[in-house]
Protein backbone atom coordinates (compact mmCIF):
# COMPACT_ATOMS: atom_id res chain seq x y z
CA MET A 1 -4.05 -11.86 -18.09
CA ASP A 2 -5.38 -9.55 -20.76
CA ASN A 3 -6.58 -6.21 -19.25
CA SER A 4 -7.11 -4.31 -22.47
CA VAL A 5 -10.52 -2.56 -22.29
CA SER A 6 -12.69 -1.90 -25.33
CA GLU A 7 -14.11 1.64 -25.68
CA ASP A 8 -17.72 0.32 -25.67
CA VAL A 9 -17.31 -1.50 -22.27
CA ASN A 10 -18.33 0.22 -19.12
CA THR A 11 -15.39 0.45 -16.66
CA ARG A 12 -15.54 -0.42 -13.01
CA CYS A 13 -13.40 0.83 -10.13
CA GLY A 14 -13.71 0.30 -6.24
CA TYR A 15 -11.93 -0.28 -3.04
CA VAL A 16 -11.59 -3.64 -1.28
CA THR A 17 -10.20 -3.66 2.16
CA LEU A 18 -8.32 -6.73 3.48
CA ILE A 19 -8.59 -7.44 7.23
CA GLY A 20 -7.48 -10.28 9.37
CA ALA A 21 -5.53 -11.32 12.41
CA PRO A 22 -1.65 -11.01 12.39
CA ASN A 23 -0.05 -13.41 9.97
CA ALA A 24 -3.26 -14.61 8.37
CA GLY A 25 -1.42 -14.11 5.02
CA LYS A 26 -2.95 -10.76 3.82
CA SER A 27 0.39 -9.32 2.47
CA THR A 28 1.11 -12.61 0.53
CA LEU A 29 -2.42 -12.50 -0.82
CA LEU A 30 -2.17 -8.86 -1.86
CA ASN A 31 1.04 -9.56 -3.78
CA GLN A 32 -0.70 -12.41 -5.52
CA LEU A 33 -3.83 -10.29 -6.40
CA VAL A 34 -1.56 -7.63 -7.95
CA GLY A 35 0.81 -9.96 -9.47
CA ALA A 36 3.85 -7.97 -8.13
CA LYS A 37 5.68 -7.41 -4.89
CA ILE A 38 3.89 -4.65 -3.05
CA ALA A 39 3.79 -5.59 0.59
CA ILE A 40 6.64 -7.05 2.79
CA VAL A 41 6.18 -10.53 3.95
CA THR A 42 7.95 -12.17 6.96
CA PRO A 43 7.27 -14.77 9.55
CA LYS A 44 7.22 -12.01 12.25
CA VAL A 45 3.74 -11.08 13.36
CA GLN A 46 2.46 -7.53 12.88
CA THR A 47 4.91 -6.83 10.00
CA THR A 48 2.48 -4.63 8.29
CA ARG A 49 2.25 -1.50 10.34
CA SER A 50 0.27 0.99 8.14
CA ARG A 51 -2.36 0.57 5.32
CA ILE A 52 -0.79 -0.48 2.04
CA THR A 53 -2.76 0.30 -1.16
CA ALA A 54 -2.23 -1.66 -4.26
CA ILE A 55 -4.02 -1.67 -7.65
CA ALA A 56 -5.09 -4.77 -9.71
CA LEU A 57 -6.76 -4.88 -13.18
CA GLU A 58 -9.23 -7.41 -14.04
CA GLY A 59 -10.88 -6.87 -17.47
CA PRO A 60 -12.71 -3.55 -17.39
CA ALA A 61 -12.34 -3.25 -13.55
CA GLN A 62 -9.64 -1.61 -11.56
CA ILE A 63 -9.62 -2.96 -8.02
CA ILE A 64 -7.95 -0.91 -5.30
CA PHE A 65 -6.93 -3.07 -2.55
CA VAL A 66 -6.09 -1.80 1.02
CA ASP A 67 -4.00 -4.07 3.03
CA THR A 68 -4.31 -3.33 6.67
CA PRO A 69 -2.20 -4.29 9.74
CA GLY A 70 -3.35 -7.37 11.59
CA ILE A 71 -6.10 -6.81 14.12
CA PHE A 72 -5.35 -8.05 17.66
CA ASN A 73 -5.74 -6.91 21.21
CA PRO A 74 -3.26 -3.95 21.44
CA SER A 75 -1.32 -2.87 24.58
CA ARG A 76 1.39 -0.54 23.28
CA ARG A 77 0.82 2.85 21.47
CA LEU A 78 2.20 1.72 18.16
CA GLU A 79 -0.08 -1.41 18.40
CA LYS A 80 -3.17 0.69 19.04
CA ALA A 81 -2.30 2.93 16.03
CA MET A 82 -1.93 -0.22 13.77
CA VAL A 83 -5.25 -1.67 14.89
CA ASN A 84 -6.99 1.73 14.43
CA ALA A 85 -5.57 1.99 11.00
CA ALA A 86 -7.03 -1.44 10.10
CA TRP A 87 -10.50 -0.50 11.27
CA ASP A 88 -10.27 2.84 9.50
CA GLY A 89 -9.65 1.06 6.21
CA THR A 90 -13.16 -0.47 6.42
CA GLN A 91 -15.06 2.79 6.63
CA ASP A 92 -15.19 3.69 2.97
CA ALA A 93 -14.71 0.25 1.39
CA ASP A 94 -16.90 -0.97 -1.37
CA LYS A 95 -16.13 -4.53 -0.13
CA ILE A 96 -14.49 -5.92 3.00
CA ALA A 97 -12.66 -9.24 2.96
CA LEU A 98 -11.89 -11.04 6.03
CA LEU A 99 -8.93 -13.37 5.68
CA VAL A 100 -8.71 -16.36 8.19
CA ASP A 101 -5.95 -18.79 8.57
CA SER A 102 -7.82 -22.08 8.16
CA ILE A 103 -5.08 -23.98 10.05
CA LYS A 104 -5.48 -21.77 13.23
CA GLY A 105 -9.23 -21.52 12.83
CA VAL A 106 -11.40 -19.22 14.95
CA THR A 107 -8.93 -17.66 17.26
CA LYS A 108 -9.49 -14.88 19.84
CA ASP A 109 -8.39 -12.46 17.32
CA VAL A 110 -10.72 -13.74 14.72
CA GLU A 111 -13.59 -13.56 17.19
CA ARG A 112 -12.60 -10.11 18.05
CA ILE A 113 -12.76 -9.01 14.35
CA ILE A 114 -16.13 -10.62 13.80
CA ALA A 115 -17.50 -8.93 16.88
CA GLY A 116 -16.19 -5.62 15.43
CA LEU A 117 -17.91 -6.18 12.15
CA GLU A 118 -21.23 -7.03 14.00
CA LYS A 119 -20.90 -3.88 16.26
CA ALA A 120 -20.32 -1.73 13.24
CA GLY A 121 -23.12 -3.31 11.12
CA LEU A 122 -20.56 -4.32 8.45
CA ARG A 123 -20.73 -7.22 6.07
CA ALA A 124 -17.70 -8.95 4.54
CA HIS A 125 -16.61 -11.73 2.25
CA LEU A 126 -14.93 -14.62 3.99
CA ILE A 127 -11.58 -15.77 2.62
CA LEU A 128 -10.08 -19.10 4.10
CA ASN A 129 -6.42 -19.25 3.56
CA LYS A 130 -3.94 -22.13 3.48
CA ILE A 131 -6.62 -24.67 2.34
CA ASP A 132 -3.81 -26.83 0.83
CA ALA A 133 -2.64 -27.61 4.50
CA ILE A 134 -5.95 -28.69 6.05
CA LYS A 135 -8.24 -31.68 5.76
CA ARG A 136 -11.28 -31.14 3.71
CA ASP A 137 -13.71 -32.21 6.52
CA THR A 138 -12.09 -29.80 8.87
CA LEU A 139 -12.31 -27.03 6.32
CA LEU A 140 -16.02 -27.59 5.62
CA GLY A 141 -16.65 -27.54 9.42
CA LEU A 142 -14.80 -24.30 9.79
CA THR A 143 -16.76 -22.78 6.80
CA GLN A 144 -20.00 -23.74 8.21
CA LYS A 145 -19.17 -22.32 11.78
CA LEU A 146 -18.04 -19.00 10.43
CA MET A 147 -20.85 -18.57 7.81
CA GLU A 148 -23.46 -19.24 10.69
CA ARG A 149 -22.28 -16.00 12.31
CA GLY A 150 -24.38 -14.07 9.70
CA VAL A 151 -21.78 -11.30 8.76
CA PHE A 152 -20.47 -12.94 5.59
CA ASP A 153 -21.87 -12.65 1.98
CA LYS A 154 -19.66 -15.26 0.38
CA VAL A 155 -16.91 -17.50 1.15
CA TYR A 156 -13.71 -18.19 -0.84
CA MET A 157 -11.12 -20.92 -0.38
CA ILE A 158 -7.64 -20.01 -1.36
CA SER A 159 -3.86 -20.65 -0.83
CA ALA A 160 -2.24 -17.22 -0.83
CA LEU A 161 1.19 -18.84 -0.99
CA ASN A 162 0.72 -20.85 -4.19
CA GLY A 163 -2.09 -18.74 -5.71
CA ASP A 164 -4.80 -21.47 -5.71
CA GLY A 165 -8.23 -19.77 -5.92
CA VAL A 166 -6.74 -16.21 -6.18
CA ALA A 167 -7.81 -15.68 -9.77
CA ASP A 168 -11.39 -16.70 -9.11
CA LEU A 169 -11.47 -14.30 -6.12
CA ARG A 170 -10.01 -11.39 -8.14
CA ALA A 171 -12.54 -11.96 -10.93
CA ASP A 172 -15.53 -12.04 -8.57
CA LEU A 173 -14.44 -8.93 -6.80
CA ALA A 174 -14.00 -7.14 -10.16
CA LYS A 175 -17.69 -7.81 -11.01
CA GLU A 176 -18.69 -6.36 -7.70
CA MET A 177 -16.91 -3.04 -8.13
CA PRO A 178 -19.26 -0.12 -8.93
CA GLU A 179 -19.27 1.26 -12.54
CA GLY A 180 -17.07 4.32 -13.05
CA PRO A 181 -13.86 5.51 -14.43
CA TRP A 182 -10.44 4.06 -13.26
CA LEU A 183 -8.78 6.39 -10.71
CA TYR A 184 -5.19 5.52 -11.54
CA PRO A 185 -3.05 4.92 -14.66
CA GLU A 186 -3.10 1.44 -16.02
CA GLU A 187 0.52 0.91 -15.30
CA GLN A 188 0.32 1.93 -11.63
CA LEU A 189 0.52 -0.80 -9.08
CA ALA A 190 0.67 1.02 -5.80
CA ILE A 191 -0.29 4.18 -4.12
CA ALA A 192 2.90 5.13 -2.07
CA PRO A 193 6.12 7.04 -2.74
CA MET A 194 9.02 4.79 -3.95
CA ARG A 195 11.18 6.09 -1.08
CA ASN A 196 8.55 4.55 1.38
CA LEU A 197 8.49 1.23 -0.47
CA ALA A 198 12.28 1.12 -0.39
CA ALA A 199 12.28 1.70 3.41
CA GLU A 200 9.74 -1.11 3.73
CA ILE A 201 11.94 -3.53 1.74
CA THR A 202 14.95 -2.89 3.90
CA ARG A 203 12.72 -3.47 7.06
CA GLU A 204 11.70 -6.82 5.45
CA LYS A 205 15.32 -7.80 5.02
CA LEU A 206 15.99 -6.89 8.65
CA PHE A 207 13.29 -9.19 9.79
CA LEU A 208 14.21 -12.04 7.59
CA ARG A 209 17.94 -11.90 8.39
CA LEU A 210 17.70 -11.37 12.17
CA ASN A 211 14.30 -13.01 13.02
CA GLN A 212 14.16 -13.56 16.84
CA GLU A 213 17.30 -11.54 17.44
CA LEU A 214 15.66 -8.36 16.13
CA PRO A 215 13.92 -6.05 18.64
CA TYR A 216 10.34 -5.34 17.67
CA SER A 217 10.77 -1.53 18.12
CA LEU A 218 12.73 -0.44 15.06
CA THR A 219 11.74 1.54 11.94
CA VAL A 220 13.49 2.36 8.68
CA GLU A 221 13.22 5.73 6.96
CA THR A 222 14.58 6.83 3.63
CA GLU A 223 16.70 9.93 4.50
CA SER A 224 17.72 11.00 1.02
CA TRP A 225 17.13 9.90 -2.63
CA GLU A 226 19.51 11.10 -5.45
CA GLU A 227 19.09 10.26 -9.04
CA LYS A 228 22.63 10.18 -10.64
CA ALA A 229 23.57 11.34 -14.10
CA ASP A 230 24.49 7.76 -15.13
CA GLY A 231 20.88 6.50 -14.48
CA SER A 232 21.62 5.03 -11.05
CA VAL A 233 20.15 6.22 -7.81
CA ARG A 234 21.79 6.78 -4.43
CA ILE A 235 19.61 5.92 -1.35
CA ASN A 236 20.58 6.72 2.24
CA GLN A 237 18.41 5.04 4.67
CA VAL A 238 18.50 5.13 8.59
CA VAL A 239 17.55 2.22 10.74
CA TYR A 240 16.22 3.71 13.94
CA VAL A 241 16.51 1.49 17.07
CA SER A 242 15.28 2.39 20.61
CA ARG A 243 18.27 1.31 22.57
CA GLU A 244 22.05 1.60 22.26
CA ASN A 245 22.50 -2.13 22.66
CA HIS A 246 20.38 -2.95 19.71
CA LYS A 247 22.89 -1.46 17.34
CA PRO A 248 25.45 -4.35 17.54
CA ILE A 249 22.62 -6.76 16.65
CA ILE A 250 22.14 -5.17 13.36
CA LEU A 251 25.78 -4.39 12.74
CA GLY A 252 27.00 -7.86 13.31
CA LYS A 253 30.73 -8.81 13.66
CA GLY A 254 32.83 -6.35 11.55
CA GLY A 255 29.62 -4.88 10.14
CA ARG A 256 28.97 -8.14 8.22
CA THR A 257 25.20 -8.43 9.11
CA ILE A 258 24.19 -4.95 8.00
CA LYS A 259 26.18 -5.47 4.72
CA GLN A 260 24.35 -8.56 4.02
CA ILE A 261 21.03 -6.83 4.79
CA GLY A 262 21.88 -3.93 2.55
CA ALA A 263 23.02 -6.36 -0.30
CA MET A 264 19.62 -8.27 0.00
CA ALA A 265 17.58 -4.87 -0.13
CA ARG A 266 19.71 -3.42 -2.91
CA GLU A 267 19.15 -6.49 -5.08
CA GLU A 268 15.46 -6.50 -4.79
CA LEU A 269 15.29 -2.67 -5.34
CA GLU A 270 17.33 -2.98 -8.54
CA GLU A 271 14.92 -5.65 -9.72
CA ILE A 272 11.78 -3.57 -8.94
CA MET A 273 13.18 -0.23 -10.30
CA GLU A 274 15.14 -1.57 -13.21
CA GLN A 275 18.08 0.65 -12.49
CA ARG A 276 21.42 0.35 -10.54
CA VAL A 277 20.96 1.28 -6.85
CA HIS A 278 23.73 2.51 -4.39
CA LEU A 279 22.11 1.82 -1.00
CA PHE A 280 23.78 2.96 2.27
CA LEU A 281 22.35 2.05 5.67
CA PHE A 282 22.91 3.87 8.87
CA ILE A 283 21.90 2.90 12.41
CA LYS A 284 20.83 5.52 14.86
CA VAL A 285 19.39 5.36 18.42
CA ARG A 286 16.00 7.18 18.86
CA GLU A 287 14.85 6.38 22.36
CA LYS A 288 11.08 6.26 22.77
CA TRP A 289 10.44 6.81 19.13
CA GLY A 290 7.18 4.98 19.60
CA ASP A 291 5.95 7.98 21.51
CA ASP A 292 6.98 10.44 18.85
CA PRO A 293 3.94 11.71 16.58
CA GLU A 294 6.28 12.40 13.72
CA ARG A 295 7.29 8.78 13.40
CA TYR A 296 3.66 7.83 13.18
CA ARG A 297 3.24 10.29 10.33
CA GLU A 298 6.18 8.88 8.49
CA MET A 299 4.34 5.42 8.63
CA GLY A 300 1.04 6.89 7.72
CA LEU A 301 -0.54 6.20 11.01
CA ASP A 302 -2.57 8.46 13.41
CA PHE A 303 -1.02 9.02 16.70
CA PRO A 304 -3.18 7.56 19.50
CA THR A 305 -3.69 9.95 22.31
CA ASP A 306 -5.06 7.61 24.75
């Protein structure tokens, strides 16, 4: 994709907020739109905890995508913070895009999101995902049902996993961005400190390696980051769990599991950063960290008081 911009062409720049139910495929779509690994992707629901901002270029347009946590009916404090963050992401967006898993169709969570859009007087583009795994007649019926709700401007049919339809979606969004200068350098792909992205990559590997064994209530924080004279970097990270009996799950027999997780995370970090990485993981117990406002600030979330 050629993103060189002629001096006599007016540039465009704007924000697109992606919303959807948990596991609709927003993080996978974000990575496809940007053309790089920005958001972590796992089979576990509610993997994305805070807003992730990524940048894509399309001709003279710079599109700033905001990937939000999945919107669902929250019960715990952390879940409420995640859902609040998702709705906050719609407030100043130039465009809102609702991603719907076409296999699951109109679930209670999807209904809840549409009702929220209606209540706020917001309009959105409808993106139907996983179209490669659904019959055409079923897809057309779902499209008609959703478009009749009156909150959607356009509908796009895509497969976030294999990229079908993503280029057309990005091209259309680029045309809809308001005229104005780019807000970020051409080579910048995300708006987040590298230490935060590194912590997210390790959290992804924890989810992928442990899956159902892993307690939901854990978080990863980059404790220190030291650039070495030989061009490598030493990264110390802490995996915080809420109970003492969670530690053996992550450690594994003889520390084997955490070594495998560290190796997976280090390999991906070296690929992204293009430098040698020395990654050290430590496990600490922090009881009731879900009630600690500081942990929410670390994740870029507002602490819910109710």
